[in-house]
Amino acid sequence: MAIDYTKRPQQPPAAPAAPAAPSGGGKVILTKGAPKVSLTKSGAVGGTARVNLNWSTGATPPPAPTGGFFAKLKAAAATPASGGVDLDLGCLYELGDGRKGVIQALGNAFGSLTAPPWIQLDGDDRTGSVVGGENMSINLGAPGRFRRVLIFAMIYEGAPNWAAVDGVVTLTSASGQSFEVRLDDPDPGARMCAVAQLVDTGGELVFQREVRYVQGGQMALDRAFNWGMNWQAGRK
């Protein structure tokens, strides 16, 4: 795990200048051709932004077992949820004062919304069956709080088949505007995807699409984006 300046609870609590997005709600889909949007110009800074990861494996449910209660119990225990894929949401962050760290379910690094690093992961959906997916909150209540935040998705368990997972990450501002990034153009065999970044470009907060697949884990992601942290093994 990385050097992290947050208090880590054992259980999670119950980005040339980018164009402005339409204010007052609505959705902006970031693509290769239009990968950036200015949250500052669109009035999407301030308050708490929500980052949502929604996904499904598209697996076909197995036929209902027969043979009584114990047969059904045995079949349920032998069937991996959602095809056995566990897709995780997290981020690397760099604060305005230079402190760096990671927010992720791995190592119970759920963060805090009311103290540094001002980012909190709500929980860990290990099946893809939770209707709301995985959610992370980012406190944008003060300008200059972040230099950059790199949002990532990682296939923690199961086959690294991003096409089957069909993931989408949506950032929703406190004012109700939504910015969507789809996890498309997958790299077969890669377990890590750098989805998007929040970047402070001299007082302007920009949200930019990355969708960059990385062979390896958090350490490889760190190297790819020159984060410069020290890592050690961890597990959920």
C-alpha atoms as a PDB file:
ATOM      1  CA  MET A   1       0.000   0.000   0.000  1.00  0.00           C
ATOM      2  CA  ALA A   2       1.023   3.587  -0.444  1.00  0.00           C
ATOM      3  CA  ILE A   3       2.064   6.168   2.083  1.00  0.00           C
ATOM      4  CA  ASP A   4      -1.257   7.695   2.992  1.00  0.00           C
ATOM      5  CA  TYR A   5      -2.028  10.676   5.208  1.00  0.00           C
ATOM      6  CA  THR A   6      -5.599   9.713   6.003  1.00  0.00           C
ATOM      7  CA  LYS A   7      -7.066   7.987   9.009  1.00  0.00           C
ATOM      8  CA  ARG A   8      -8.092   4.545   7.816  1.00  0.00           C
ATOM      9  CA  PRO A   9     -11.191   3.075   9.453  1.00  0.00           C
ATOM     10  CA  GLN A  10     -11.517  -0.686   9.533  1.00  0.00           C
ATOM     11  CA  GLN A  11     -15.005  -0.432   8.070  1.00  0.00           C
ATOM     12  CA  PRO A  12     -16.288   2.138   5.547  1.00  0.00           C
ATOM     13  CA  PRO A  13     -18.799   4.696   6.857  1.00  0.00           C
ATOM     14  CA  ALA A  14     -22.772   4.132   6.421  1.00  0.00           C
ATOM     15  CA  ALA A  15      -8.881  18.563 -15.828  1.00  0.00           C
ATOM     16  CA  PRO A  16      -5.526  23.861 -24.172  1.00  0.00           C
ATOM     17  CA  ALA A  17      -8.344  25.194 -21.689  1.00  0.00           C
ATOM     18  CA  ALA A  18     -11.331  22.962 -21.483  1.00  0.00           C
ATOM     19  CA  PRO A  19     -14.770  24.161 -22.530  1.00  0.00           C
ATOM     20  CA  ALA A  20     -17.475  24.770 -19.981  1.00  0.00           C
ATOM     21  CA  ALA A  21     -20.339  22.357 -19.585  1.00  0.00           C
ATOM     22  CA  PRO A  22     -23.961  23.460 -19.602  1.00  0.00           C
ATOM     23  CA  SER A  23     -24.945  24.731 -16.161  1.00  0.00           C
ATOM     24  CA  GLY A  24     -28.046  23.797 -14.250  1.00  0.00           C
ATOM     25  CA  GLY A  25     -27.884  20.033 -14.702  1.00  0.00           C
ATOM     26  CA  GLY A  26     -27.603  17.781 -17.737  1.00  0.00           C
ATOM     27  CA  LYS A  27     -24.993  15.236 -18.790  1.00  0.00           C
ATOM     28  CA  VAL A  28     -21.690  15.642 -20.618  1.00  0.00           C
ATOM     29  CA  ILE A  29     -20.096  12.524 -22.113  1.00  0.00           C
ATOM     30  CA  LEU A  30     -16.327  12.792 -22.393  1.00  0.00           C
ATOM     31  CA  THR A  31     -14.891  11.126 -25.507  1.00  0.00           C
ATOM     32  CA  LYS A  32     -11.561  10.851 -27.341  1.00  0.00           C
ATOM     33  CA  GLY A  33     -12.594  13.796 -29.490  1.00  0.00           C
ATOM     34  CA  ALA A  34     -13.797  15.913 -26.550  1.00  0.00           C
ATOM     35  CA  PRO A  35     -11.896  14.624 -23.500  1.00  0.00           C
ATOM     36  CA  LYS A  36     -11.976  17.652 -21.184  1.00  0.00           C
ATOM     37  CA  VAL A  37     -14.436  19.914 -19.447  1.00  0.00           C
ATOM     38  CA  SER A  38     -13.881  22.845 -17.093  1.00  0.00           C
ATOM     39  CA  LEU A  39     -15.759  22.323 -13.852  1.00  0.00           C
ATOM     40  CA  THR A  40     -14.877  25.882 -12.828  1.00  0.00           C
ATOM     41  CA  LYS A  41     -16.373  27.518 -15.940  1.00  0.00           C
ATOM     42  CA  SER A  42     -19.452  25.325 -15.739  1.00  0.00           C
ATOM     43  CA  GLY A  43     -20.116  26.216 -12.096  1.00  0.00           C
ATOM     44  CA  ALA A  44     -19.605  22.600 -11.031  1.00  0.00           C
ATOM     45  CA  VAL A  45     -17.119  23.294  -8.231  1.00  0.00           C
ATOM     46  CA  GLY A  46     -18.080  23.713  -4.593  1.00  0.00           C
ATOM     47  CA  GLY A  47     -19.868  21.258  -2.363  1.00  0.00           C
ATOM     48  CA  THR A  48     -19.453  17.505  -2.650  1.00  0.00           C
ATOM     49  CA  ALA A  49     -19.020  15.782  -6.009  1.00  0.00           C
ATOM     50  CA  ARG A  50     -19.959  12.126  -6.317  1.00  0.00           C
ATOM     51  CA  VAL A  51     -18.023   9.654  -8.435  1.00  0.00           C
ATOM     52  CA  ASN A  52     -19.985   6.522  -9.331  1.00  0.00           C
ATOM     53  CA  LEU A  53     -18.699   3.290 -10.864  1.00  0.00           C
ATOM     54  CA  ASN A  54     -21.423   1.118 -12.313  1.00  0.00           C
ATOM     55  CA  TRP A  55     -20.769  -2.176 -14.003  1.00  0.00           C
ATOM     56  CA  SER A  56     -22.054  -5.648 -14.676  1.00  0.00           C
ATOM     57  CA  THR A  57     -20.551  -8.782 -16.137  1.00  0.00           C
ATOM     58  CA  GLY A  58     -23.676  -9.552 -18.125  1.00  0.00           C
ATOM     59  CA  ALA A  59     -23.467 -13.093 -16.822  1.00  0.00           C
ATOM     60  CA  THR A  60     -26.511 -15.294 -17.354  1.00  0.00           C
ATOM     61  CA  PRO A  61     -27.880 -16.571 -14.034  1.00  0.00           C
ATOM     62  CA  PRO A  62     -27.585 -20.352 -13.629  1.00  0.00           C
ATOM     63  CA  PRO A  63     -30.770 -22.436 -13.602  1.00  0.00           C
ATOM     64  CA  ALA A  64     -32.478 -22.772 -10.246  1.00  0.00           C
ATOM     65  CA  PRO A  65     -31.227 -25.884  -8.408  1.00  0.00           C
ATOM     66  CA  THR A  66     -33.581 -28.646  -7.424  1.00  0.00           C
ATOM     67  CA  GLY A  67     -33.434 -31.245  -4.685  1.00  0.00           C
ATOM     68  CA  GLY A  68     -34.400 -29.420  -1.533  1.00  0.00           C
ATOM     69  CA  PHE A  69     -32.924 -26.829   0.788  1.00  0.00           C
ATOM     70  CA  PHE A  70     -29.431 -28.317   1.233  1.00  0.00           C
ATOM     71  CA  ALA A  71     -28.965 -28.832  -2.511  1.00  0.00           C
ATOM     72  CA  LYS A  72     -29.879 -25.207  -3.135  1.00  0.00           C
ATOM     73  CA  LEU A  73     -27.530 -24.046  -0.371  1.00  0.00           C
ATOM     74  CA  LYS A  74     -24.648 -26.059  -1.854  1.00  0.00           C
ATOM     75  CA  ALA A  75     -25.300 -24.697  -5.356  1.00  0.00           C
ATOM     76  CA  ALA A  76     -25.396 -21.106  -4.086  1.00  0.00           C
ATOM     77  CA  ALA A  77     -22.070 -21.514  -2.306  1.00  0.00           C
ATOM     78  CA  ALA A  78     -20.445 -22.956  -5.448  1.00  0.00           C
ATOM     79  CA  THR A  79     -21.649 -20.189  -7.789  1.00  0.00           C
ATOM     80  CA  PRO A  80     -19.419 -17.069  -7.883  1.00  0.00           C
ATOM     81  CA  ALA A  81     -21.342 -13.791  -7.806  1.00  0.00           C
ATOM     82  CA  SER A  82     -21.557 -11.966 -11.150  1.00  0.00           C
ATOM     83  CA  GLY A  83     -19.184 -14.414 -12.838  1.00  0.00           C
ATOM     84  CA  GLY A  84     -16.565 -14.009 -10.124  1.00  0.00           C
ATOM     85  CA  VAL A  85     -15.438 -10.504 -11.129  1.00  0.00           C
ATOM     86  CA  ASP A  86     -14.719  -7.884  -8.450  1.00  0.00           C
ATOM     87  CA  LEU A  87     -14.288  -4.390  -9.937  1.00  0.00           C
ATOM     88  CA  ASP A  88     -12.997  -1.717  -7.557  1.00  0.00           C
ATOM     89  CA  LEU A  89     -13.177   2.092  -7.642  1.00  0.00           C
ATOM     90  CA  GLY A  90     -10.402   4.204  -6.178  1.00  0.00           C
ATOM     91  CA  CYS A  91      -8.116   7.161  -6.767  1.00  0.00           C
ATOM     92  CA  LEU A  92      -4.633   8.524  -6.337  1.00  0.00           C
ATOM     93  CA  TYR A  93      -4.603  12.061  -4.981  1.00  0.00           C
ATOM     94  CA  GLU A  94      -2.185  14.927  -4.603  1.00  0.00           C
ATOM     95  CA  LEU A  95      -3.328  17.720  -2.306  1.00  0.00           C
ATOM     96  CA  GLY A  96      -2.569  21.386  -2.746  1.00  0.00           C
ATOM     97  CA  ASP A  97       0.128  21.157  -0.067  1.00  0.00           C
ATOM     98  CA  GLY A  98       1.867  18.282  -1.861  1.00  0.00           C
ATOM     99  CA  ARG A  99       0.676  15.360   0.264  1.00  0.00           C
ATOM    100  CA  LYS A 100      -0.104  12.224  -1.728  1.00  0.00           C
ATOM    101  CA  GLY A 101      -2.011   9.034  -1.098  1.00  0.00           C
ATOM    102  CA  VAL A 102      -4.511   6.493  -2.331  1.00  0.00           C
ATOM    103  CA  ILE A 103      -8.202   5.887  -1.649  1.00  0.00           C
ATOM    104  CA  GLN A 104      -9.320   2.289  -2.189  1.00  0.00           C
ATOM    105  CA  ALA A 105     -10.984  -0.681  -0.514  1.00  0.00           C
ATOM    106  CA  LEU A 106      -7.646  -2.496  -0.547  1.00  0.00           C
ATOM    107  CA  GLY A 107      -6.133  -1.961   2.895  1.00  0.00           C
ATOM    108  CA  ASN A 108      -9.299  -0.236   4.171  1.00  0.00           C
ATOM    109  CA  ALA A 109      -8.068   3.111   2.824  1.00  0.00           C
ATOM    110  CA  PHE A 110     -11.571   4.599   2.704  1.00  0.00           C
ATOM    111  CA  GLY A 111     -10.456   8.161   3.484  1.00  0.00           C
ATOM    112  CA  SER A 112     -12.397  11.052   4.976  1.00  0.00           C
ATOM    113  CA  LEU A 113     -14.708  13.697   3.562  1.00  0.00           C
ATOM    114  CA  THR A 114     -14.372  16.154   6.450  1.00  0.00           C
ATOM    115  CA  ALA A 115     -10.568  16.120   6.845  1.00  0.00           C
ATOM    116  CA  PRO A 116      -7.586  15.522   4.556  1.00  0.00           C
ATOM    117  CA  PRO A 117      -7.626  14.030   1.976  1.00  0.00           C
ATOM    118  CA  TRP A 118     -11.228  15.288   1.585  1.00  0.00           C
ATOM    119  CA  ILE A 119     -12.127  12.127  -0.376  1.00  0.00           C
ATOM    120  CA  GLN A 120     -14.121   9.161   0.879  1.00  0.00           C
ATOM    121  CA  LEU A 121     -14.986   5.799  -0.648  1.00  0.00           C
ATOM    122  CA  ASP A 122     -18.451   4.712   0.447  1.00  0.00           C
ATOM    123  CA  GLY A 123     -17.935   0.960   0.309  1.00  0.00           C
ATOM    124  CA  ASP A 124     -16.891  -2.044  -1.749  1.00  0.00           C
ATOM    125  CA  ASP A 125     -19.295  -3.741  -4.188  1.00  0.00           C
ATOM    126  CA  ARG A 126     -17.685  -7.131  -4.747  1.00  0.00           C
ATOM    127  CA  THR A 127     -20.431  -8.515  -6.995  1.00  0.00           C
ATOM    128  CA  GLY A 128     -21.598  -5.791  -9.380  1.00  0.00           C
ATOM    129  CA  SER A 129     -25.120  -6.464  -8.103  1.00  0.00           C
ATOM    130  CA  VAL A 130     -25.485  -3.328  -5.977  1.00  0.00           C
ATOM    131  CA  VAL A 131     -27.896  -1.069  -7.843  1.00  0.00           C
ATOM    132  CA  GLY A 132     -25.931   2.079  -7.038  1.00  0.00           C
ATOM    133  CA  GLY A 133     -22.544   0.546  -7.851  1.00  0.00           C
ATOM    134  CA  GLU A 134     -19.511   1.883  -5.994  1.00  0.00           C
ATOM    135  CA  ASN A 135     -19.413   5.535  -4.966  1.00  0.00           C
ATOM    136  CA  MET A 136     -16.710   7.939  -3.897  1.00  0.00           C
ATOM    137  CA  SER A 137     -17.250  11.483  -2.625  1.00  0.00           C
ATOM    138  CA  ILE A 138     -14.862  14.397  -3.238  1.00  0.00           C
ATOM    139  CA  ASN A 139     -15.164  17.542  -1.142  1.00  0.00           C
ATOM    140  CA  LEU A 140     -14.721  20.492  -3.551  1.00  0.00           C
ATOM    141  CA  GLY A 141     -15.707  23.037  -0.931  1.00  0.00           C
ATOM    142  CA  ALA A 142     -12.416  24.977  -1.034  1.00  0.00           C
ATOM    143  CA  PRO A 143     -10.424  26.149  -4.084  1.00  0.00           C
ATOM    144  CA  GLY A 144      -6.892  24.853  -4.444  1.00  0.00           C
ATOM    145  CA  ARG A 145      -7.562  21.845  -2.231  1.00  0.00           C
ATOM    146  CA  PHE A 146      -6.332  19.384  -4.884  1.00  0.00           C
ATOM    147  CA  ARG A 147      -3.535  19.501  -7.415  1.00  0.00           C
ATOM    148  CA  ARG A 148      -4.794  16.339  -9.084  1.00  0.00           C
ATOM    149  CA  VAL A 149      -6.986  13.330  -8.438  1.00  0.00           C
ATOM    150  CA  LEU A 150      -6.622  10.258 -10.666  1.00  0.00           C
ATOM    151  CA  ILE A 151      -9.740   8.084 -10.631  1.00  0.00           C
ATOM    152  CA  PHE A 152      -9.116   4.438 -11.416  1.00  0.00           C
ATOM    153  CA  ALA A 153     -11.003   1.166 -11.732  1.00  0.00           C
ATOM    154  CA  MET A 154      -9.342  -2.171 -11.094  1.00  0.00           C
ATOM    155  CA  ILE A 155     -10.444  -5.738 -11.672  1.00  0.00           C
ATOM    156  CA  TYR A 156      -9.365  -7.113  -8.295  1.00  0.00           C
ATOM    157  CA  GLU A 157     -10.636 -10.656  -8.869  1.00  0.00           C
ATOM    158  CA  GLY A 158     -11.781 -12.573 -11.912  1.00  0.00           C
ATOM    159  CA  ALA A 159     -10.800 -12.529 -15.572  1.00  0.00           C
ATOM    160  CA  PRO A 160      -9.658  -9.076 -16.818  1.00  0.00           C
ATOM    161  CA  ASN A 161     -12.404  -8.781 -19.416  1.00  0.00           C
ATOM    162  CA  TRP A 162     -13.353  -5.088 -19.559  1.00  0.00           C
ATOM    163  CA  ALA A 163     -15.659  -5.559 -22.546  1.00  0.00           C
ATOM    164  CA  ALA A 164     -17.808  -7.959 -20.526  1.00  0.00           C
ATOM    165  CA  VAL A 165     -17.724  -5.734 -17.447  1.00  0.00           C
ATOM    166  CA  ASP A 166     -19.182  -2.789 -19.419  1.00  0.00           C
ATOM    167  CA  GLY A 167     -18.141  -0.190 -16.850  1.00  0.00           C
ATOM    168  CA  VAL A 168     -19.018   3.494 -16.722  1.00  0.00           C
ATOM    169  CA  VAL A 169     -17.780   6.175 -14.326  1.00  0.00           C
ATOM    170  CA  THR A 170     -19.907   9.278 -13.720  1.00  0.00           C
ATOM    171  CA  LEU A 171     -18.897  12.378 -11.780  1.00  0.00           C
ATOM    172  CA  THR A 172     -21.908  14.357 -10.548  1.00  0.00           C
ATOM    173  CA  SER A 173     -21.369  17.826  -9.129  1.00  0.00           C
ATOM    174  CA  ALA A 174     -23.207  19.285  -6.155  1.00  0.00           C
ATOM    175  CA  SER A 175     -25.185  21.404  -8.634  1.00  0.00           C
ATOM    176  CA  GLY A 176     -26.433  18.301 -10.458  1.00  0.00           C
ATOM    177  CA  GLN A 177     -24.287  18.275 -13.592  1.00  0.00           C
ATOM    178  CA  SER A 178     -23.051  14.860 -14.688  1.00  0.00           C
ATOM    179  CA  PHE A 179     -19.860  13.997 -16.552  1.00  0.00           C
ATOM    180  CA  GLU A 180     -19.630  10.464 -17.918  1.00  0.00           C
ATOM    181  CA  VAL A 181     -16.630   8.375 -18.967  1.00  0.00           C
ATOM    182  CA  ARG A 182     -17.099   4.901 -20.421  1.00  0.00           C
ATOM    183  CA  LEU A 183     -14.477   2.213 -19.895  1.00  0.00           C
ATOM    184  CA  ASP A 184     -14.168   1.372 -23.587  1.00  0.00           C
ATOM    185  CA  ASP A 185     -11.268   0.408 -25.905  1.00  0.00           C
ATOM    186  CA  PRO A 186     -10.050  -2.243 -23.449  1.00  0.00           C
ATOM    187  CA  ASP A 187      -6.559  -3.696 -23.361  1.00  0.00           C
ATOM    188  CA  PRO A 188      -6.845  -7.498 -22.994  1.00  0.00           C
ATOM    189  CA  GLY A 189      -5.096  -8.736 -19.900  1.00  0.00           C
ATOM    190  CA  ALA A 190      -4.835  -5.361 -18.145  1.00  0.00           C
ATOM    191  CA  ARG A 191      -6.430  -5.259 -14.706  1.00  0.00           C
ATOM    192  CA  MET A 192      -6.057  -1.523 -14.107  1.00  0.00           C
ATOM    193  CA  CYS A 193      -7.753   1.353 -15.916  1.00  0.00           C
ATOM    194  CA  ALA A 194      -6.924   5.010 -15.273  1.00  0.00           C
ATOM    195  CA  VAL A 195     -10.384   6.421 -15.971  1.00  0.00           C
ATOM    196  CA  ALA A 196     -10.168  10.196 -15.524  1.00  0.00           C
ATOM    197  CA  GLN A 197      -8.372  13.009 -13.707  1.00  0.00           C
ATOM    198  CA  LEU A 198      -9.345  16.121 -11.826  1.00  0.00           C
ATOM    199  CA  VAL A 199      -6.525  18.614 -12.435  1.00  0.00           C
ATOM    200  CA  ASP A 200      -6.016  22.134 -11.103  1.00  0.00           C
ATOM    201  CA  THR A 201      -4.612  24.141 -14.015  1.00  0.00           C
ATOM    202  CA  GLY A 202      -3.729  27.379 -12.271  1.00  0.00           C
ATOM    203  CA  GLY A 203      -6.967  27.961 -10.416  1.00  0.00           C
ATOM    204  CA  GLU A 204      -9.230  26.221 -12.929  1.00  0.00           C
ATOM    205  CA  LEU A 205     -10.430  22.729 -12.069  1.00  0.00           C
ATOM    206  CA  VAL A 206     -10.605  20.494 -15.134  1.00  0.00           C
ATOM    207  CA  PHE A 207     -12.106  17.016 -15.445  1.00  0.00           C
ATOM    208  CA  GLN A 208     -10.409  15.029 -18.196  1.00  0.00           C
ATOM    209  CA  ARG A 209     -10.934  11.587 -19.691  1.00  0.00           C
ATOM    210  CA  GLU A 210      -7.989   9.183 -19.589  1.00  0.00           C
ATOM    211  CA  VAL A 211      -9.269   5.591 -20.173  1.00  0.00           C
ATOM    212  CA  ARG A 212      -5.704   4.323 -20.124  1.00  0.00           C
ATOM    213  CA  TYR A 213      -5.259   0.640 -19.376  1.00  0.00           C
ATOM    214  CA  VAL A 214      -2.218  -0.328 -17.337  1.00  0.00           C
ATOM    215  CA  GLN A 215      -0.533  -3.722 -17.128  1.00  0.00           C
ATOM    216  CA  GLY A 216      -0.019  -4.187 -13.415  1.00  0.00           C
ATOM    217  CA  GLY A 217      -1.457  -2.760 -10.216  1.00  0.00           C
ATOM    218  CA  GLN A 218      -1.280   0.479  -8.273  1.00  0.00           C
ATOM    219  CA  MET A 219       2.517   0.672  -8.507  1.00  0.00           C
ATOM    220  CA  ALA A 220       2.360   0.478 -12.308  1.00  0.00           C
ATOM    221  CA  LEU A 221      -0.370   3.126 -12.317  1.00  0.00           C
ATOM    222  CA  ASP A 222       1.825   5.360 -10.147  1.00  0.00           C
ATOM    223  CA  ARG A 223       4.731   5.012 -12.579  1.00  0.00           C
ATOM    224  CA  ALA A 224       2.538   5.646 -15.620  1.00  0.00           C
ATOM    225  CA  PHE A 225       1.356   8.979 -14.192  1.00  0.00           C
ATOM    226  CA  ASN A 226       4.538   9.962 -12.322  1.00  0.00           C
ATOM    227  CA  TRP A 227       2.889  10.054  -8.897  1.00  0.00           C
ATOM    228  CA  GLY A 228       6.049   9.181  -6.970  1.00  0.00           C
ATOM    229  CA  MET A 229       4.812   7.182  -3.976  1.00  0.00           C
ATOM    230  CA  ASN A 230       6.261   4.200  -2.124  1.00  0.00           C
ATOM    231  CA  TRP A 231       4.179   1.014  -2.252  1.00  0.00           C
ATOM    232  CA  GLN A 232       3.904  -2.199  -0.325  1.00  0.00           C
ATOM    233  CA  ALA A 233       1.638  -5.223  -0.636  1.00  0.00           C
ATOM    234  CA  GLY A 234      -1.879  -5.054   0.769  1.00  0.00           C
ATOM    235  CA  ARG A 235      -5.150  -6.931   0.609  1.00  0.00           C
ATOM    236  CA  LYS A 236      -8.853  -6.533   1.313  1.00  0.00           C
END
